[in-house]
Amino acid sequence: MVLIYVTTSNEEEAIKIGDLVVKERLAACSNVISNMKSTYWWEGNLENDNEAILILKTLEKKC
């Protein structure tokens, strides 16, 4: 099994992607963790944002 870690802009986006990936049977399961605090560089500026984590559980052969 492989876990794929994805950050999304919000919970709604994470759920939408997770639903699609599971529906297409590219992953067996998706998990969403809301309200993650992220700090990162973007276009020369230090940014702080709220994001959501999407974790997909799949098989290596499907990656």
PDB file of N, CA and C in Angstrom:
ATOM      1  N   MET A   1       0.831  -1.168   0.000  1.00  0.00           N
ATOM      2  CA  MET A   1       0.000   0.000   0.000  1.00  0.00           C
ATOM      3  C   MET A   1       0.882   1.241   0.000  1.00  0.00           C
ATOM      4  N   VAL A   2       0.378   2.289  -0.625  1.00  0.00           N
ATOM      5  CA  VAL A   2       1.060   3.575  -0.714  1.00  0.00           C
ATOM      6  C   VAL A   2       0.129   4.646  -0.166  1.00  0.00           C
ATOM      7  N   LEU A   3       0.681   5.576   0.601  1.00  0.00           N
ATOM      8  CA  LEU A   3      -0.074   6.751   1.051  1.00  0.00           C
ATOM      9  C   LEU A   3       0.400   7.949   0.256  1.00  0.00           C
ATOM     10  N   ILE A   4      -0.537   8.694  -0.274  1.00  0.00           N
ATOM     11  CA  ILE A   4      -0.224   9.901  -1.030  1.00  0.00           C
ATOM     12  C   ILE A   4      -0.741  11.089  -0.229  1.00  0.00           C
ATOM     13  N   TYR A   5       0.156  12.014   0.085  1.00  0.00           N
ATOM     14  CA  TYR A   5      -0.140  13.192   0.896  1.00  0.00           C
ATOM     15  C   TYR A   5      -0.311  14.385  -0.035  1.00  0.00           C
ATOM     16  N   VAL A   6      -1.458  15.043   0.055  1.00  0.00           N
ATOM     17  CA  VAL A   6      -1.766  16.164  -0.828  1.00  0.00           C
ATOM     18  C   VAL A   6      -2.265  17.328   0.026  1.00  0.00           C
ATOM     19  N   THR A   7      -1.777  18.530  -0.227  1.00  0.00           N
ATOM     20  CA  THR A   7      -2.360  19.702   0.423  1.00  0.00           C
ATOM     21  C   THR A   7      -3.306  20.375  -0.570  1.00  0.00           C
ATOM     22  N   THR A   8      -4.424  20.841  -0.051  1.00  0.00           N
ATOM     23  CA  THR A   8      -5.431  21.519  -0.868  1.00  0.00           C
ATOM     24  C   THR A   8      -5.773  22.856  -0.221  1.00  0.00           C
ATOM     25  N   SER A   9      -6.428  23.708  -0.970  1.00  0.00           N
ATOM     26  CA  SER A   9      -6.705  25.048  -0.451  1.00  0.00           C
ATOM     27  C   SER A   9      -7.765  25.069   0.645  1.00  0.00           C
ATOM     28  N   ASN A  10      -8.634  24.031   0.670  1.00  0.00           N
ATOM     29  CA  ASN A  10      -9.659  23.981   1.713  1.00  0.00           C
ATOM     30  C   ASN A  10     -10.286  22.581   1.768  1.00  0.00           C
ATOM     31  N   GLU A  11     -11.135  22.365   2.760  1.00  0.00           N
ATOM     32  CA  GLU A  11     -11.770  21.061   2.956  1.00  0.00           C
ATOM     33  C   GLU A  11     -12.637  20.658   1.757  1.00  0.00           C
ATOM     34  N   GLU A  12     -13.371  21.601   1.218  1.00  0.00           N
ATOM     35  CA  GLU A  12     -14.255  21.311   0.082  1.00  0.00           C
ATOM     36  C   GLU A  12     -13.466  20.769  -1.111  1.00  0.00           C
ATOM     37  N   GLU A  13     -12.334  21.387  -1.406  1.00  0.00           N
ATOM     38  CA  GLU A  13     -11.500  20.928  -2.512  1.00  0.00           C
ATOM     39  C   GLU A  13     -10.946  19.532  -2.236  1.00  0.00           C
ATOM     40  N   ALA A  14     -10.508  19.281  -1.003  1.00  0.00           N
ATOM     41  CA  ALA A  14      -9.968  17.971  -0.641  1.00  0.00           C
ATOM     42  C   ALA A  14     -11.024  16.879  -0.794  1.00  0.00           C
ATOM     43  N   ILE A  15     -12.240  17.158  -0.338  1.00  0.00           N
ATOM     44  CA  ILE A  15     -13.328  16.176  -0.456  1.00  0.00           C
ATOM     45  C   ILE A  15     -13.654  15.918  -1.921  1.00  0.00           C
ATOM     46  N   LYS A  16     -13.706  16.961  -2.714  1.00  0.00           N
ATOM     47  CA  LYS A  16     -14.021  16.817  -4.140  1.00  0.00           C
ATOM     48  C   LYS A  16     -12.983  15.937  -4.842  1.00  0.00           C
ATOM     49  N   ILE A  17     -11.710  16.192  -4.594  1.00  0.00           N
ATOM     50  CA  ILE A  17     -10.648  15.390  -5.206  1.00  0.00           C
ATOM     51  C   ILE A  17     -10.701  13.958  -4.678  1.00  0.00           C
ATOM     52  N   GLY A  18     -10.834  13.806  -3.366  1.00  0.00           N
ATOM     53  CA  GLY A  18     -10.888  12.468  -2.758  1.00  0.00           C
ATOM     54  C   GLY A  18     -12.042  11.648  -3.300  1.00  0.00           C
ATOM     55  N   ASP A  19     -13.223  12.249  -3.409  1.00  0.00           N
ATOM     56  CA  ASP A  19     -14.388  11.540  -3.952  1.00  0.00           C
ATOM     57  C   ASP A  19     -14.127  11.070  -5.377  1.00  0.00           C
ATOM     58  N   LEU A  20     -13.552  11.934  -6.194  1.00  0.00           N
ATOM     59  CA  LEU A  20     -13.283  11.584  -7.590  1.00  0.00           C
ATOM     60  C   LEU A  20     -12.273  10.448  -7.706  1.00  0.00           C
ATOM     61  N   VAL A  21     -11.206  10.529  -6.941  1.00  0.00           N
ATOM     62  CA  VAL A  21     -10.153   9.505  -7.007  1.00  0.00           C
ATOM     63  C   VAL A  21     -10.684   8.146  -6.547  1.00  0.00           C
ATOM     64  N   VAL A  22     -11.477   8.128  -5.482  1.00  0.00           N
ATOM     65  CA  VAL A  22     -12.049   6.867  -5.003  1.00  0.00           C
ATOM     66  C   VAL A  22     -13.099   6.354  -5.986  1.00  0.00           C
ATOM     67  N   LYS A  23     -13.942   7.244  -6.511  1.00  0.00           N
ATOM     68  CA  LYS A  23     -14.967   6.849  -7.483  1.00  0.00           C
ATOM     69  C   LYS A  23     -14.342   6.198  -8.708  1.00  0.00           C
ATOM     70  N   GLU A  24     -13.211   6.728  -9.158  1.00  0.00           N
ATOM     71  CA  GLU A  24     -12.512   6.184 -10.323  1.00  0.00           C
ATOM     72  C   GLU A  24     -11.656   4.959  -9.971  1.00  0.00           C
ATOM     73  N   ARG A  25     -11.693   4.565  -8.705  1.00  0.00           N
ATOM     74  CA  ARG A  25     -10.955   3.403  -8.195  1.00  0.00           C
ATOM     75  C   ARG A  25      -9.431   3.524  -8.349  1.00  0.00           C
ATOM     76  N   LEU A  26      -8.973   4.766  -8.298  1.00  0.00           N
ATOM     77  CA  LEU A  26      -7.540   5.011  -8.297  1.00  0.00           C
ATOM     78  C   LEU A  26      -6.975   4.908  -6.888  1.00  0.00           C
ATOM     79  N   ALA A  27      -7.857   5.022  -5.903  1.00  0.00           N
ATOM     80  CA  ALA A  27      -7.493   4.843  -4.496  1.00  0.00           C
ATOM     81  C   ALA A  27      -8.635   4.113  -3.805  1.00  0.00           C
ATOM     82  N   ALA A  28      -8.297   3.362  -2.782  1.00  0.00           N
ATOM     83  CA  ALA A  28      -9.309   2.629  -2.025  1.00  0.00           C
ATOM     84  C   ALA A  28     -10.000   3.517  -0.996  1.00  0.00           C
ATOM     85  N   CYS A  29      -9.299   4.572  -0.570  1.00  0.00           N
ATOM     86  CA  CYS A  29      -9.813   5.390   0.521  1.00  0.00           C
ATOM     87  C   CYS A  29      -9.189   6.778   0.453  1.00  0.00           C
ATOM     88  N   SER A  30      -9.944   7.763   0.904  1.00  0.00           N
ATOM     89  CA  SER A  30      -9.382   9.103   1.070  1.00  0.00           C
ATOM     90  C   SER A  30      -9.726   9.608   2.466  1.00  0.00           C
ATOM     91  N   ASN A  31      -8.804  10.343   3.055  1.00  0.00           N
ATOM     92  CA  ASN A  31      -9.010  10.956   4.365  1.00  0.00           C
ATOM     93  C   ASN A  31      -8.729  12.440   4.243  1.00  0.00           C
ATOM     94  N   VAL A  32      -9.558  13.255   4.890  1.00  0.00           N
ATOM     95  CA  VAL A  32      -9.388  14.713   4.864  1.00  0.00           C
ATOM     96  C   VAL A  32      -9.175  15.206   6.290  1.00  0.00           C
ATOM     97  N   ILE A  33      -8.144  16.004   6.460  1.00  0.00           N
ATOM     98  CA  ILE A  33      -7.859  16.663   7.736  1.00  0.00           C
ATOM     99  C   ILE A  33      -7.943  18.161   7.472  1.00  0.00           C
ATOM    100  N   SER A  34      -8.861  18.821   8.144  1.00  0.00           N
ATOM    101  CA  SER A  34      -9.113  20.249   7.904  1.00  0.00           C
ATOM    102  C   SER A  34      -8.259  21.135   8.795  1.00  0.00           C
ATOM    103  N   ASN A  35      -8.191  22.396   8.409  1.00  0.00           N
ATOM    104  CA  ASN A  35      -7.591  23.463   9.213  1.00  0.00           C
ATOM    105  C   ASN A  35      -6.118  23.273   9.530  1.00  0.00           C
ATOM    106  N   MET A  36      -5.359  22.807   8.563  1.00  0.00           N
ATOM    107  CA  MET A  36      -3.916  22.732   8.718  1.00  0.00           C
ATOM    108  C   MET A  36      -3.341  24.133   8.527  1.00  0.00           C
ATOM    109  N   LYS A  37      -2.399  24.506   9.327  1.00  0.00           N
ATOM    110  CA  LYS A  37      -1.721  25.794   9.198  1.00  0.00           C
ATOM    111  C   LYS A  37      -0.430  25.573   8.408  1.00  0.00           C
ATOM    112  N   SER A  38      -0.274  26.282   7.311  1.00  0.00           N
ATOM    113  CA  SER A  38       0.897  26.130   6.456  1.00  0.00           C
ATOM    114  C   SER A  38       1.686  27.428   6.381  1.00  0.00           C
ATOM    115  N   THR A  39       3.002  27.299   6.373  1.00  0.00           N
ATOM    116  CA  THR A  39       3.912  28.412   6.152  1.00  0.00           C
ATOM    117  C   THR A  39       4.816  28.027   5.000  1.00  0.00           C
ATOM    118  N   TYR A  40       4.914  28.905   4.001  1.00  0.00           N
ATOM    119  CA  TYR A  40       5.697  28.577   2.807  1.00  0.00           C
ATOM    120  C   TYR A  40       6.081  29.862   2.072  1.00  0.00           C
ATOM    121  N   TRP A  41       7.082  29.734   1.211  1.00  0.00           N
ATOM    122  CA  TRP A  41       7.485  30.842   0.352  1.00  0.00           C
ATOM    123  C   TRP A  41       6.672  30.807  -0.920  1.00  0.00           C
ATOM    124  N   TRP A  42       6.135  31.959  -1.338  1.00  0.00           N
ATOM    125  CA  TRP A  42       5.403  32.056  -2.592  1.00  0.00           C
ATOM    126  C   TRP A  42       5.739  33.396  -3.241  1.00  0.00           C
ATOM    127  N   GLU A  43       6.332  33.319  -4.415  1.00  0.00           N
ATOM    128  CA  GLU A  43       6.695  34.509  -5.181  1.00  0.00           C
ATOM    129  C   GLU A  43       7.474  35.514  -4.331  1.00  0.00           C
ATOM    130  N   GLY A  44       8.453  34.997  -3.576  1.00  0.00           N
ATOM    131  CA  GLY A  44       9.336  35.842  -2.786  1.00  0.00           C
ATOM    132  C   GLY A  44       8.784  36.307  -1.457  1.00  0.00           C
ATOM    133  N   ASN A  45       7.575  35.886  -1.114  1.00  0.00           N
ATOM    134  CA  ASN A  45       6.965  36.293   0.156  1.00  0.00           C
ATOM    135  C   ASN A  45       6.715  35.085   1.041  1.00  0.00           C
ATOM    136  N   LEU A  46       6.881  35.273   2.333  1.00  0.00           N
ATOM    137  CA  LEU A  46       6.558  34.231   3.296  1.00  0.00           C
ATOM    138  C   LEU A  46       5.058  34.286   3.563  1.00  0.00           C
ATOM    139  N   GLU A  47       4.370  33.194   3.276  1.00  0.00           N
ATOM    140  CA  GLU A  47       2.917  33.128   3.389  1.00  0.00           C
ATOM    141  C   GLU A  47       2.497  32.216   4.540  1.00  0.00           C
ATOM    142  N   ASN A  48       1.367  32.521   5.159  1.00  0.00           N
ATOM    143  CA  ASN A  48       0.729  31.691   6.170  1.00  0.00           C
ATOM    144  C   ASN A  48      -0.718  31.500   5.746  1.00  0.00           C
ATOM    145  N   ASP A  49      -1.139  30.256   5.596  1.00  0.00           N
ATOM    146  CA  ASP A  49      -2.495  29.962   5.133  1.00  0.00           C
ATOM    147  C   ASP A  49      -3.083  28.781   5.876  1.00  0.00           C
ATOM    148  N   ASN A  50      -4.400  28.709   5.822  1.00  0.00           N
ATOM    149  CA  ASN A  50      -5.109  27.510   6.250  1.00  0.00           C
ATOM    150  C   ASN A  50      -5.283  26.629   5.017  1.00  0.00           C
ATOM    151  N   GLU A  51      -5.006  25.362   5.145  1.00  0.00           N
ATOM    152  CA  GLU A  51      -5.184  24.411   4.058  1.00  0.00           C
ATOM    153  C   GLU A  51      -5.830  23.158   4.630  1.00  0.00           C
ATOM    154  N   ALA A  52      -6.115  22.212   3.776  1.00  0.00           N
ATOM    155  CA  ALA A  52      -6.610  20.907   4.206  1.00  0.00           C
ATOM    156  C   ALA A  52      -5.661  19.843   3.662  1.00  0.00           C
ATOM    157  N   ILE A  53      -5.520  18.779   4.412  1.00  0.00           N
ATOM    158  CA  ILE A  53      -4.688  17.653   3.997  1.00  0.00           C
ATOM    159  C   ILE A  53      -5.604  16.579   3.420  1.00  0.00           C
ATOM    160  N   LEU A  54      -5.213  16.041   2.278  1.00  0.00           N
ATOM    161  CA  LEU A  54      -5.891  14.903   1.675  1.00  0.00           C
ATOM    162  C   LEU A  54      -4.899  13.755   1.648  1.00  0.00           C
ATOM    163  N   ILE A  55      -5.268  12.643   2.265  1.00  0.00           N
ATOM    164  CA  ILE A  55      -4.434  11.441   2.242  1.00  0.00           C
ATOM    165  C   ILE A  55      -5.178  10.387   1.439  1.00  0.00           C
ATOM    166  N   LEU A  56      -4.497   9.856   0.424  1.00  0.00           N
ATOM    167  CA  LEU A  56      -5.068   8.813  -0.420  1.00  0.00           C
ATOM    168  C   LEU A  56      -4.340   7.509  -0.161  1.00  0.00           C
ATOM    169  N   LYS A  57      -5.100   6.434  -0.021  1.00  0.00           N
ATOM    170  CA  LYS A  57      -4.534   5.100   0.189  1.00  0.00           C
ATOM    171  C   LYS A  57      -4.757   4.304  -1.091  1.00  0.00           C
ATOM    172  N   THR A  58      -3.661   3.837  -1.682  1.00  0.00           N
ATOM    173  CA  THR A  58      -3.758   3.115  -2.939  1.00  0.00           C
ATOM    174  C   THR A  58      -2.650   2.069  -3.042  1.00  0.00           C
ATOM    175  N   LEU A  59      -2.608   1.382  -4.146  1.00  0.00           N
ATOM    176  CA  LEU A  59      -1.565   0.422  -4.422  1.00  0.00           C
ATOM    177  C   LEU A  59      -0.486   1.063  -5.280  1.00  0.00           C
ATOM    178  N   GLU A  60       0.755   0.669  -5.102  1.00  0.00           N
ATOM    179  CA  GLU A  60       1.856   1.252  -5.844  1.00  0.00           C
ATOM    180  C   GLU A  60       1.627   1.155  -7.363  1.00  0.00           C
ATOM    181  N   LYS A  61       1.058   0.077  -7.831  1.00  0.00           N
ATOM    182  CA  LYS A  61       0.851  -0.101  -9.269  1.00  0.00           C
ATOM    183  C   LYS A  61      -0.145   0.904  -9.851  1.00  0.00           C
ATOM    184  N   LYS A  62      -0.921   1.577  -8.995  1.00  0.00           N
ATOM    185  CA  LYS A  62      -1.903   2.559  -9.469  1.00  0.00           C
ATOM    186  C   LYS A  62      -1.335   3.971  -9.475  1.00  0.00           C
ATOM    187  N   CYS A  63      -0.105   4.138  -9.018  1.00  0.00           N
ATOM    188  CA  CYS A  63       0.523   5.476  -8.966  1.00  0.00           C
ATOM    189  C   CYS A  63       1.077   5.876 -10.307  1.00  0.00           C
TER     190      CYS A  63
END
